C-alpha atoms as a PDB file:
ATOM      1  CA  MET A   1    -126.722-108.592 -70.212  1.00  0.00           C
ATOM      2  CA  THR A   2    -127.338-110.563 -73.558  1.00  0.00           C
ATOM      3  CA  GLU A   3    -130.725-111.784 -72.489  1.00  0.00           C
ATOM      4  CA  LEU A   4    -133.752-110.696 -74.505  1.00  0.00           C
ATOM      5  CA  VAL A   5    -136.390-108.570 -72.816  1.00  0.00           C
ATOM      6  CA  ASP A   6    -139.705-106.888 -74.255  1.00  0.00           C
ATOM      7  CA  VAL A   7    -139.585-103.261 -74.693  1.00  0.00           C
ATOM      8  CA  VAL A   8    -143.164-101.871 -74.060  1.00  0.00           C
ATOM      9  CA  ASP A   9    -145.267 -99.033 -74.600  1.00  0.00           C
ATOM     10  CA  ALA A  10    -147.327 -97.224 -71.601  1.00  0.00           C
ATOM     11  CA  GLU A  11    -150.132 -99.579 -72.143  1.00  0.00           C
ATOM     12  CA  ASP A  12    -147.840-102.676 -71.871  1.00  0.00           C
ATOM     13  CA  ARG A  13    -147.917-103.362 -75.482  1.00  0.00           C
ATOM     14  CA  VAL A  14    -144.821-105.263 -76.771  1.00  0.00           C
ATOM     15  CA  LEU A  15    -142.809-102.800 -79.174  1.00  0.00           C
ATOM     16  CA  CYS A  16    -139.685-104.824 -79.849  1.00  0.00           C
ATOM     17  CA  ARG A  17    -137.265-107.145 -78.331  1.00  0.00           C
ATOM     18  CA  LEU A  18    -133.761-105.882 -77.310  1.00  0.00           C
ATOM     19  CA  THR A  19    -130.990-107.203 -75.256  1.00  0.00           C
ATOM     20  CA  ARG A  20    -131.036-106.211 -71.679  1.00  0.00           C
ATOM     21  CA  ALA A  21    -127.740-104.030 -72.202  1.00  0.00           C
ATOM     22  CA  LYS A  22    -129.240-102.079 -74.927  1.00  0.00           C
ATOM     23  CA  MET A  23    -132.576-101.528 -72.831  1.00  0.00           C
ATOM     24  CA  ARG A  24    -130.450-100.484 -69.802  1.00  0.00           C
ATOM     25  CA  ARG A  25    -128.245 -98.110 -72.006  1.00  0.00           C
ATOM     26  CA  ASP A  26    -131.125 -96.207 -73.472  1.00  0.00           C
ATOM     27  CA  ASN A  27    -133.373 -96.614 -70.603  1.00  0.00           C
ATOM     28  CA  LEU A  28    -136.234 -98.119 -72.208  1.00  0.00           C
ATOM     29  CA  LEU A  29    -139.743 -99.087 -70.628  1.00  0.00           C
ATOM     30  CA  HIS A  30    -139.618-102.623 -69.787  1.00  0.00           C
ATOM     31  CA  ARG A  31    -141.508-105.114 -67.564  1.00  0.00           C
ATOM     32  CA  ALA A  32    -140.415-106.288 -64.146  1.00  0.00           C
ATOM     33  CA  VAL A  33    -141.715-108.085 -61.461  1.00  0.00           C
ATOM     34  CA  TYR A  34    -141.718-107.390 -57.539  1.00  0.00           C
ATOM     35  CA  ILE A  35    -142.478-109.952 -54.773  1.00  0.00           C
ATOM     36  CA  LEU A  36    -143.009-109.013 -51.140  1.00  0.00           C
ATOM     37  CA  VAL A  37    -141.881-112.214 -49.327  1.00  0.00           C
ATOM     38  CA  ARG A  38    -142.981-112.656 -45.697  1.00  0.00           C
ATOM     39  CA  ASN A  39    -142.490-115.554 -43.223  1.00  0.00           C
ATOM     40  CA  THR A  40    -145.394-117.318 -41.238  1.00  0.00           C
ATOM     41  CA  ARG A  41    -144.490-114.609 -38.454  1.00  0.00           C
ATOM     42  CA  GLY A  42    -145.194-111.692 -40.934  1.00  0.00           C
ATOM     43  CA  GLU A  43    -141.659-110.635 -41.022  1.00  0.00           C
ATOM     44  CA  LEU A  44    -140.393-109.194 -44.441  1.00  0.00           C
ATOM     45  CA  PHE A  45    -137.442-110.567 -46.129  1.00  0.00           C
ATOM     46  CA  VAL A  46    -134.916-107.735 -46.907  1.00  0.00           C
ATOM     47  CA  HIS A  47    -131.690-108.270 -48.672  1.00  0.00           C
ATOM     48  CA  ARG A  48    -128.595-106.354 -50.028  1.00  0.00           C
ATOM     49  CA  ARG A  49    -127.715-106.632 -53.701  1.00  0.00           C
ATOM     50  CA  THR A  50    -124.392-107.667 -54.885  1.00  0.00           C
ATOM     51  CA  GLU A  51    -122.174-104.776 -56.194  1.00  0.00           C
ATOM     52  CA  SER A  52    -122.191-106.332 -59.696  1.00  0.00           C
ATOM     53  CA  LYS A  53    -125.913-105.807 -60.260  1.00  0.00           C
ATOM     54  CA  ASP A  54    -126.628-103.606 -63.287  1.00  0.00           C
ATOM     55  CA  ILE A  55    -128.792-101.188 -61.349  1.00  0.00           C
ATOM     56  CA  HIS A  56    -128.750-100.134 -57.631  1.00  0.00           C
ATOM     57  CA  PRO A  57    -125.696-102.171 -56.724  1.00  0.00           C
ATOM     58  CA  GLY A  58    -125.169-102.605 -53.190  1.00  0.00           C
ATOM     59  CA  HIS A  59    -128.266-101.465 -52.270  1.00  0.00           C
ATOM     60  CA  TRP A  60    -130.781-102.933 -49.864  1.00  0.00           C
ATOM     61  CA  ASP A  61    -134.056-104.095 -51.330  1.00  0.00           C
ATOM     62  CA  VAL A  62    -137.303-104.890 -49.706  1.00  0.00           C
ATOM     63  CA  THR A  63    -138.410-107.148 -52.644  1.00  0.00           C
ATOM     64  CA  ILE A  64    -137.382-110.088 -54.588  1.00  0.00           C
ATOM     65  CA  GLY A  65    -137.784-109.743 -58.450  1.00  0.00           C
ATOM     66  CA  GLY A  66    -136.210-108.599 -61.660  1.00  0.00           C
ATOM     67  CA  VAL A  67    -136.731-108.131 -65.366  1.00  0.00           C
ATOM     68  CA  VAL A  68    -139.405-110.143 -67.359  1.00  0.00           C
ATOM     69  CA  ALA A  69    -137.719-111.990 -70.028  1.00  0.00           C
ATOM     70  CA  ALA A  70    -138.872-111.753 -73.612  1.00  0.00           C
ATOM     71  CA  GLY A  71    -142.226-113.504 -73.990  1.00  0.00           C
ATOM     72  CA  GLU A  72    -142.459-114.514 -70.509  1.00  0.00           C
ATOM     73  CA  GLU A  73    -145.736-113.680 -68.579  1.00  0.00           C
ATOM     74  CA  TYR A  74    -145.690-111.691 -65.139  1.00  0.00           C
ATOM     75  CA  ALA A  75    -146.647-114.676 -62.934  1.00  0.00           C
ATOM     76  CA  ALA A  76    -144.012-116.952 -64.596  1.00  0.00           C
ATOM     77  CA  ALA A  77    -141.210-114.319 -64.154  1.00  0.00           C
ATOM     78  CA  ALA A  78    -142.167-114.013 -60.372  1.00  0.00           C
ATOM     79  CA  GLU A  79    -142.040-117.849 -60.030  1.00  0.00           C
ATOM     80  CA  ARG A  80    -138.591-117.877 -61.609  1.00  0.00           C
ATOM     81  CA  GLU A  81    -137.278-114.980 -59.593  1.00  0.00           C
ATOM     82  CA  LEU A  82    -138.313-116.595 -56.432  1.00  0.00           C
ATOM     83  CA  HIS A  83    -136.472-119.816 -57.243  1.00  0.00           C
ATOM     84  CA  GLU A  84    -133.363-118.159 -58.897  1.00  0.00           C
ATOM     85  CA  GLU A  85    -132.936-115.427 -55.763  1.00  0.00           C
ATOM     86  CA  ILE A  86    -134.074-117.360 -52.621  1.00  0.00           C
ATOM     87  CA  GLY A  87    -134.565-120.853 -53.797  1.00  0.00           C
ATOM     88  CA  ILE A  88    -138.458-120.995 -53.079  1.00  0.00           C
ATOM     89  CA  ARG A  89    -140.362-123.269 -55.401  1.00  0.00           C
ATOM     90  CA  ALA A  90    -144.231-123.599 -55.731  1.00  0.00           C
ATOM     91  CA  ALA A  91    -144.814-120.775 -53.237  1.00  0.00           C
ATOM     92  CA  ALA A  92    -148.655-119.509 -53.578  1.00  0.00           C
ATOM     93  CA  LEU A  93    -148.082-116.079 -55.392  1.00  0.00           C
ATOM     94  CA  HIS A  94    -150.934-113.510 -54.800  1.00  0.00           C
ATOM     95  CA  LEU A  95    -150.960-110.663 -57.433  1.00  0.00           C
ATOM     96  CA  LEU A  96    -151.206-107.365 -55.447  1.00  0.00           C
ATOM     97  CA  GLY A  97    -151.295-105.114 -58.361  1.00  0.00           C
ATOM     98  CA  PRO A  98    -149.339-102.792 -61.097  1.00  0.00           C
ATOM     99  CA  LEU A  99    -146.548-100.715 -60.484  1.00  0.00           C
ATOM    100  CA  ARG A 100    -145.172 -97.812 -62.731  1.00  0.00           C
ATOM    101  CA  TYR A 101    -141.630 -96.642 -61.796  1.00  0.00           C
ATOM    102  CA  GLU A 102    -139.291 -94.313 -63.452  1.00  0.00           C
ATOM    103  CA  ASP A 103    -136.016 -92.591 -62.537  1.00  0.00           C
ATOM    104  CA  ALA A 104    -132.779 -91.535 -64.342  1.00  0.00           C
ATOM    105  CA  CYS A 105    -131.713 -95.278 -64.524  1.00  0.00           C
ATOM    106  CA  THR A 106    -134.731 -97.439 -65.305  1.00  0.00           C
ATOM    107  CA  ARG A 107    -138.250 -97.191 -66.542  1.00  0.00           C
ATOM    108  CA  ILE A 108    -140.685-100.016 -65.585  1.00  0.00           C
ATOM    109  CA  LEU A 109    -144.017-101.325 -65.963  1.00  0.00           C
ATOM    110  CA  GLY A 110    -144.363-103.932 -63.032  1.00  0.00           C
ATOM    111  CA  ARG A 111    -146.605-106.626 -61.531  1.00  0.00           C
ATOM    112  CA  VAL A 112    -146.385-106.819 -57.524  1.00  0.00           C
ATOM    113  CA  PHE A 113    -147.016-110.167 -55.943  1.00  0.00           C
ATOM    114  CA  ALA A 114    -146.860-111.493 -52.498  1.00  0.00           C
ATOM    115  CA  ALA A 115    -145.572-114.757 -51.220  1.00  0.00           C
ATOM    116  CA  THR A 116    -145.021-116.629 -47.865  1.00  0.00           C
ATOM    117  CA  ALA A 117    -141.833-118.368 -47.617  1.00  0.00           C
ATOM    118  CA  THR A 118    -142.314-121.486 -45.242  1.00  0.00           C
ATOM    119  CA  GLY A 119    -138.880-123.173 -45.801  1.00  0.00           C
ATOM    120  CA  PRO A 120    -135.301-122.477 -45.456  1.00  0.00           C
ATOM    121  CA  LEU A 121    -133.910-119.840 -47.933  1.00  0.00           C
ATOM    122  CA  ARG A 122    -131.150-120.461 -50.317  1.00  0.00           C
ATOM    123  CA  LEU A 123    -129.708-117.239 -51.320  1.00  0.00           C
ATOM    124  CA  GLN A 124    -128.305-116.587 -54.849  1.00  0.00           C
ATOM    125  CA  THR A 125    -124.650-115.365 -54.400  1.00  0.00           C
ATOM    126  CA  GLU A 126    -124.441-113.687 -57.504  1.00  0.00           C
ATOM    127  CA  GLU A 127    -127.475-111.452 -56.624  1.00  0.00           C
ATOM    128  CA  ILE A 128    -127.633-111.358 -52.813  1.00  0.00           C
ATOM    129  CA  VAL A 129    -124.944-110.631 -50.615  1.00  0.00           C
ATOM    130  CA  GLU A 130    -126.952-110.865 -47.330  1.00  0.00           C
ATOM    131  CA  GLY A 131    -130.575-111.225 -46.376  1.00  0.00           C
ATOM    132  CA  ARG A 132    -132.843-112.204 -43.635  1.00  0.00           C
ATOM    133  CA  PHE A 133    -136.439-111.764 -42.483  1.00  0.00           C
ATOM    134  CA  MET A 134    -137.160-108.339 -40.421  1.00  0.00           C
ATOM    135  CA  ALA A 135    -139.855-107.220 -38.146  1.00  0.00           C
ATOM    136  CA  ALA A 136    -141.121-103.908 -39.049  1.00  0.00           C
ATOM    137  CA  ALA A 137    -139.058-101.740 -36.920  1.00  0.00           C
ATOM    138  CA  GLU A 138    -135.907-103.476 -38.230  1.00  0.00           C
ATOM    139  CA  VAL A 139    -137.220-102.597 -41.892  1.00  0.00           C
ATOM    140  CA  ASP A 140    -137.814 -99.033 -41.022  1.00  0.00           C
ATOM    141  CA  ARG A 141    -134.239 -98.701 -39.532  1.00  0.00           C
ATOM    142  CA  VAL A 142    -132.714-100.058 -42.651  1.00  0.00           C
ATOM    143  CA  ILE A 143    -134.735 -97.990 -44.865  1.00  0.00           C
ATOM    144  CA  ALA A 144    -133.723 -94.951 -42.734  1.00  0.00           C
ATOM    145  CA  GLU A 145    -129.980 -95.786 -42.619  1.00  0.00           C
ATOM    146  CA  ARG A 146    -128.916 -97.605 -45.648  1.00  0.00           C
ATOM    147  CA  PRO A 147    -129.309 -96.881 -49.491  1.00  0.00           C
ATOM    148  CA  CYS A 148    -132.185 -98.895 -50.817  1.00  0.00           C
ATOM    149  CA  CYS A 149    -133.635 -99.617 -54.225  1.00  0.00           C
ATOM    150  CA  PRO A 150    -136.189 -96.752 -54.725  1.00  0.00           C
ATOM    151  CA  ASP A 151    -138.525 -98.921 -56.743  1.00  0.00           C
ATOM    152  CA  GLY A 152    -138.784-101.429 -54.068  1.00  0.00           C
ATOM    153  CA  LEU A 153    -139.541 -98.653 -51.386  1.00  0.00           C
ATOM    154  CA  LEU A 154    -142.410 -97.541 -53.949  1.00  0.00           C
ATOM    155  CA  VAL A 155    -143.477-101.131 -53.870  1.00  0.00           C
ATOM    156  CA  LEU A 156    -143.720-101.139 -49.866  1.00  0.00           C
ATOM    157  CA  ARG A 157    -145.295 -97.687 -49.674  1.00  0.00           C
ATOM    158  CA  THR A 158    -147.909 -98.690 -52.450  1.00  0.00           C
ATOM    159  CA  TYR A 159    -148.681-102.312 -51.102  1.00  0.00           C
ATOM    160  CA  GLY A 160    -147.202-102.512 -47.755  1.00  0.00           C
ATOM    161  CA  GLY A 161    -150.582-102.712 -46.078  1.00  0.00           C
ATOM    162  CA  THR A 162    -151.604-105.892 -48.112  1.00  0.00           C
ATOM    163  CA  LEU A 163    -148.760-108.049 -46.892  1.00  0.00           C
ATOM    164  CA  THR A 164    -151.146-110.694 -45.222  1.00  0.00           C
ATOM    165  CA  GLY A 165    -150.891-112.719 -48.686  1.00  0.00           C
ATOM    166  CA  GLY A 166    -154.677-112.425 -49.212  1.00  0.00           C
END
């Protein structure tokens, strides 16, 4: 929670740099990345977050991603998050577009990417309890039956039809 993040305005201009803890405490607008990860069969990677996460602990998530570090570019943050969370390096990232999300806990200006995972995944135990690739029917079942990250669900509703990686 001591890492620095850029607090931004509605046009994505940096206003200041603060610790992640202060950004969370004051629910300030910040940058984040989301990656929809599919395998070569078109299944979506879905995972359950650890209880130690600072937002939506224990929830299921349909995206890999996180907060963009201070001074970091969106694409670099997406590459970093893919490597940190699921052990994927040098995946071809495809920018799908922007995402604006706000609720009582978080305010985000984000960028959404798609990636295809072709190798075995290495899940980061500090952030992911469990995860696997799921066919559409299983993803729908998880969304209907389990608590899920609402920003990830917005990503899926907004960009779910463009998951072919193109």
